[in-house]
Amino acid sequence: MKVIVTEHARTRLSEDRQRGIEISDVINAALKVPGKVPTAARFRRFSSENGRIFDIVIKDIGIGRLVITVIGK
C-alpha cells in the first residue's frame, strides 16, 4: 500500500513536540494499521526508532493511505 504524508504532517515533524519522529517512522506506523480507514481516524501509541511516542491521523483514499497529521507525546 502506498502511504502519502501531507505537507502539514511533514511540517509538524519539525516542531518541538514531534522532535525525534522521522518520516520513515510515520510511514511504518501507517502501514501497521490493518483494514480500511474510510474516514479520518486517530490511531494512538506508535513508537519512533528512538523511542518517541506519537499518534497519527490517517484516511484511506483512492491512491493509498493519507497521513493527515502527526501528534507527538
Protein backbone atom coordinates (compact mmCIF):
# COMPACT_ATOMS: atom_id res chain seq x y z
CA MET A 1 0.00 0.00 0.00
CA LYS A 2 1.23 3.48 -0.86
CA VAL A 3 1.50 5.98 2.03
CA ILE A 4 1.18 9.71 1.29
CA VAL A 5 2.40 12.09 4.01
CA THR A 6 0.76 15.51 3.71
CA GLU A 7 2.77 18.72 3.78
CA HIS A 8 1.05 19.58 7.05
CA ALA A 9 2.30 16.36 8.65
CA ARG A 10 5.82 16.98 7.32
CA THR A 11 5.80 20.48 8.79
CA ARG A 12 4.62 19.14 12.15
CA LEU A 13 7.66 16.85 12.32
CA SER A 14 9.93 19.90 12.66
CA GLU A 15 8.06 21.19 15.74
CA ASP A 16 9.38 20.56 19.28
CA ARG A 17 6.55 18.24 20.26
CA GLN A 18 7.34 15.90 17.35
CA ARG A 19 11.14 16.15 17.59
CA GLY A 20 12.75 12.75 17.04
CA ILE A 21 9.97 11.36 14.85
CA GLU A 22 11.10 10.71 11.28
CA ILE A 23 9.01 10.35 8.13
CA SER A 24 10.03 6.68 8.00
CA ASP A 25 8.54 6.21 11.49
CA VAL A 26 5.26 7.76 10.31
CA ILE A 27 5.13 5.59 7.18
CA ASN A 28 5.84 2.42 9.18
CA ALA A 29 3.08 3.34 11.66
CA ALA A 30 0.57 3.96 8.84
CA LEU A 31 1.36 0.58 7.32
CA LYS A 32 0.74 -1.18 10.65
CA VAL A 33 -2.91 -0.12 10.79
CA PRO A 34 -4.95 -3.07 9.49
CA GLY A 35 -8.03 -2.91 7.30
CA LYS A 36 -9.59 0.11 5.60
CA VAL A 37 -9.91 3.57 7.13
CA PRO A 38 -12.73 5.24 5.13
CA THR A 39 -12.91 8.38 7.30
CA ALA A 40 -10.14 10.24 9.09
CA ALA A 41 -9.30 8.48 12.35
CA ARG A 42 -6.67 8.87 15.05
CA PHE A 43 -4.50 5.89 15.90
CA ARG A 44 -2.53 6.04 19.11
CA ARG A 45 0.70 4.92 20.75
CA PHE A 46 3.18 4.30 17.97
CA SER A 47 6.88 4.45 18.81
CA SER A 48 9.62 6.01 16.70
CA GLU A 49 13.03 4.38 16.22
CA ASN A 50 14.43 6.50 19.07
CA GLY A 51 11.51 5.75 21.40
CA ARG A 52 9.33 8.85 20.96
CA ILE A 53 5.62 8.03 21.32
CA PHE A 54 3.21 9.54 18.77
CA ASP A 55 -0.27 9.34 17.29
CA ILE A 56 -1.25 9.66 13.63
CA VAL A 57 -4.44 10.67 11.86
CA ILE A 58 -4.96 8.74 8.63
CA LYS A 59 -7.56 8.13 5.96
CA ASP A 60 -7.58 5.75 3.03
CA ILE A 61 -8.06 7.40 -0.36
CA GLY A 62 -8.13 6.02 -3.89
CA ILE A 63 -4.36 6.04 -4.38
CA GLY A 64 -3.27 4.89 -0.91
CA ARG A 65 -3.22 5.83 2.75
CA LEU A 66 -3.09 9.54 3.56
CA VAL A 67 -1.32 10.65 6.74
CA ILE A 68 -3.09 13.87 7.71
CA THR A 69 -1.15 14.80 10.84
CA VAL A 70 1.26 13.56 13.50
CA ILE A 71 0.84 14.25 17.21
CA GLY A 72 3.88 13.75 19.44
CA LYS A 73 3.57 12.91 23.13
